Protein backbone atom coordinates (compact mmCIF):
# COMPACT_ATOMS: atom_id res chain seq x y z
CA MET A 1 -13.93 2.30 -23.54
CA THR A 2 -10.66 1.31 -21.89
CA ALA A 3 -10.01 -2.15 -20.51
CA HIS A 4 -10.64 -2.70 -16.82
CA THR A 5 -7.63 -4.09 -14.94
CA THR A 6 -7.77 -6.18 -11.77
CA ILE A 7 -4.80 -6.35 -9.40
CA ILE A 8 -4.50 -8.42 -6.21
CA VAL A 9 -1.94 -7.35 -3.60
CA ASP A 10 -0.82 -9.26 -0.51
CA TRP A 11 0.24 -6.82 2.23
CA LEU A 12 2.63 -7.85 5.02
CA GLY A 13 3.07 -5.78 8.14
CA PRO A 14 3.54 -3.79 10.07
CA TYR A 15 7.34 -3.69 10.05
CA SER A 16 9.72 -1.24 11.68
CA GLN A 17 12.51 0.15 9.51
CA GLU A 18 14.98 -1.94 11.54
CA GLU A 19 13.04 -5.14 10.77
CA ILE A 20 13.09 -4.33 7.05
CA GLU A 21 16.87 -3.82 7.21
CA GLU A 22 17.12 -7.44 8.42
CA LYS A 23 14.80 -8.79 5.70
CA LYS A 24 16.98 -8.13 2.68
CA GLU A 25 15.03 -10.66 0.57
CA LEU A 26 11.86 -8.52 0.57
CA ALA A 27 11.77 -6.68 -2.74
CA ASN A 28 9.74 -5.49 -5.72
CA GLY A 29 6.39 -4.13 -4.68
CA LEU A 30 4.28 -1.43 -3.14
CA TYR A 31 4.67 0.04 0.30
CA LEU A 32 2.60 2.08 2.71
CA VAL A 33 4.23 4.10 5.47
CA THR A 34 2.11 4.99 8.49
CA GLY A 35 2.82 7.24 11.43
CA LYS A 36 2.47 10.79 12.68
CA LEU A 37 3.77 13.99 11.19
CA LYS A 38 4.74 16.81 13.55
CA TYR A 39 1.71 18.26 15.34
CA GLU A 40 -0.54 15.31 14.39
CA ARG A 41 -2.43 13.52 17.13
CA SER A 42 -3.03 10.21 15.45
CA ALA A 43 -1.08 7.96 13.13
CA THR A 44 -2.37 7.37 9.61
CA ILE A 45 -1.17 6.33 6.16
CA GLN A 46 1.30 9.07 5.21
CA TYR A 47 2.92 7.76 2.02
CA CYS A 48 2.44 5.15 -0.71
CA GLY A 49 5.22 4.17 -3.09
CA ILE A 50 6.74 1.43 -5.21
CA THR A 51 10.15 -0.11 -5.69
CA GLU A 52 11.56 -2.65 -8.10
CA GLY A 53 14.53 -3.27 -5.81
CA ALA A 54 14.93 -4.28 -2.18
CA PHE A 55 12.71 -2.40 0.26
CA PHE A 56 15.55 -1.84 2.74
CA ARG A 57 17.55 0.02 0.07
CA ARG A 58 14.56 2.13 -0.90
CA PHE A 59 13.99 3.28 2.68
CA ARG A 60 17.62 4.11 3.54
CA ASN A 61 17.65 7.50 1.82
CA HIS A 62 13.97 8.01 1.10
CA HIS A 63 13.05 11.58 0.18
CA LYS A 64 9.85 11.72 2.29
CA ILE A 65 9.63 9.16 5.07
CA HIS A 66 12.09 11.00 7.33
CA GLN A 67 9.25 13.53 7.80
CA ILE A 68 7.24 10.94 9.72
CA TYR A 69 7.89 12.08 13.24
CA LYS A 70 6.53 9.24 15.40
CA GLU A 71 5.24 5.70 15.25
CA SER A 72 6.40 4.96 11.70
CA GLU A 73 5.49 1.52 10.44
CA PHE A 74 5.79 -0.07 7.02
CA TRP A 75 3.43 -2.29 5.07
CA LEU A 76 4.96 -4.15 2.13
CA GLY A 77 2.76 -5.24 -0.75
CA SER A 78 3.49 -7.80 -3.44
CA ILE A 79 1.33 -8.23 -6.51
CA LYS A 80 -0.11 -11.74 -6.70
CA TYR A 81 -2.31 -11.15 -9.74
CA PRO A 82 -1.54 -10.72 -12.54
CA SER A 83 1.41 -13.05 -12.17
CA GLU A 84 3.59 -11.00 -14.54
CA SER A 85 3.60 -8.04 -12.16
CA SER A 86 5.72 -5.51 -14.03
CA ARG A 87 6.32 -1.90 -13.07
CA HIS A 88 3.19 -1.08 -15.08
CA PHE A 89 0.95 -2.89 -12.56
CA LEU A 90 2.84 -1.44 -9.58
CA GLU A 91 2.21 2.04 -11.01
CA LEU A 92 -1.49 1.34 -11.61
CA ALA A 93 -2.01 0.14 -8.03
CA GLU A 94 0.03 3.02 -6.57
CA THR A 95 -1.89 5.62 -8.59
CA LEU A 96 -5.24 4.22 -7.44
CA ILE A 97 -4.24 4.21 -3.75
CA ILE A 98 -2.79 7.72 -3.86
CA TYR A 99 -5.74 9.18 -5.74
CA PHE A 100 -8.29 7.54 -3.44
CA TRP A 101 -6.48 7.89 -0.10
CA GLN A 102 -4.58 11.19 -0.71
CA PRO A 103 -1.64 10.42 1.66
CA GLU A 104 -0.16 13.59 3.11
CA LEU A 105 3.42 13.07 1.91
CA ASN A 106 2.57 12.03 -1.65
CA THR A 107 2.70 15.07 -3.90
CA ARG A 108 2.36 13.42 -7.30
CA LYS A 109 -0.56 11.30 -8.50
CA LYS A 110 -3.08 12.99 -6.17
CA LEU A 111 -4.77 14.79 -9.05
CA SER A 112 -4.35 12.20 -11.82
CA THR A 113 -7.54 10.24 -12.32
CA PRO A 114 -6.59 6.55 -12.31
CA ASN A 115 -7.29 4.13 -15.13
CA SER A 116 -10.27 1.82 -14.83
CA ILE A 117 -9.04 -0.62 -12.17
CA THR A 118 -10.07 -2.86 -9.30
CA LEU A 119 -7.52 -3.35 -6.53
CA ILE A 120 -8.04 -6.19 -4.05
CA SER A 121 -5.88 -6.06 -0.91
CA LYS A 122 -5.31 -9.08 1.31
CA TRP A 123 -3.66 -8.36 4.66
CA PHE A 124 -1.14 -10.58 6.45
CA LYS A 125 0.99 -10.43 9.58
CA THR A 126 4.76 -10.40 9.17
CA ASN A 127 4.79 -14.18 9.72
CA TYR A 128 2.46 -14.58 6.67
CA GLN A 129 -0.54 -15.51 8.81
CA PRO A 130 -3.76 -13.97 7.42
CA ARG A 131 -5.16 -11.06 9.41
CA LEU A 132 -8.67 -11.95 10.48
CA ARG A 133 -9.32 -8.27 11.25
CA GLN A 134 -7.78 -5.31 9.56
CA HIS A 135 -5.03 -3.46 11.41
CA THR A 136 -6.22 -0.19 12.96
CA LEU A 137 -4.03 2.05 10.79
CA CYS A 138 -5.23 0.51 7.54
CA LYS A 139 -8.90 0.05 8.43
CA ASP A 140 -9.97 3.04 6.33
CA LEU A 141 -8.24 1.67 3.22
CA ASP A 142 -10.88 -0.73 1.92
CA ASP A 143 -9.89 -4.22 0.84
CA VAL A 144 -11.59 -3.62 -2.51
CA LEU A 145 -11.17 -0.33 -4.36
CA SER A 146 -12.76 -0.23 -7.77
CA TRP A 147 -12.87 2.73 -10.15
CA ASP A 148 -14.69 2.32 -13.47
CA GLY A 149 -13.86 5.77 -14.79
CA SER A 150 -16.91 7.46 -13.30
CA LEU A 151 -17.92 5.60 -10.12
CA TRP A 152 -16.09 4.24 -7.08
CA ARG A 153 -17.01 0.95 -5.49
CA THR A 154 -15.42 0.03 -2.17
CA GLY A 155 -15.76 -2.60 0.50
CA ASN A 156 -14.07 -4.99 2.84
CA LEU A 157 -13.69 -8.73 2.55
CA GLN A 158 -14.63 -11.02 5.40
CA VAL A 159 -11.88 -13.43 6.37
CA TRP A 160 -12.95 -16.87 7.51
CA SER A 161 -10.76 -19.50 9.12
CA ASP A 162 -11.29 -23.24 8.86
């Protein structure tokens, strides 16, 4: 039996590509790109990826995101747990999201069964204020995704303010 990994990600967003260009300090994490492809009627999560560098550099010449035709927005995720968030943990979280969500523009990792993992997502506005309700475009991506190797467990966290 393989070890079960838990990863906690704080997501900030949504950002426009122009806003990310101005935030050069944002780096090293996961990202979700939402929007519409040609002939689509509604925006959805189109791509999930990772970078170990600055997000603005990653998006400048990205091989897929130029295909998002309208309403593109970016969500930037940083791993908060485990604290030594190496590329290994970025890859584990990315693989789980892609396998579960099946974003249209991701071609790899859609068929690879993820390792045994629980991913907890916490959502924040770009000013780091907690989102009390999930943003419309990410509402179908549950706050908790857990795969034990044979069963999925999913759900959303309730956010309470003082």
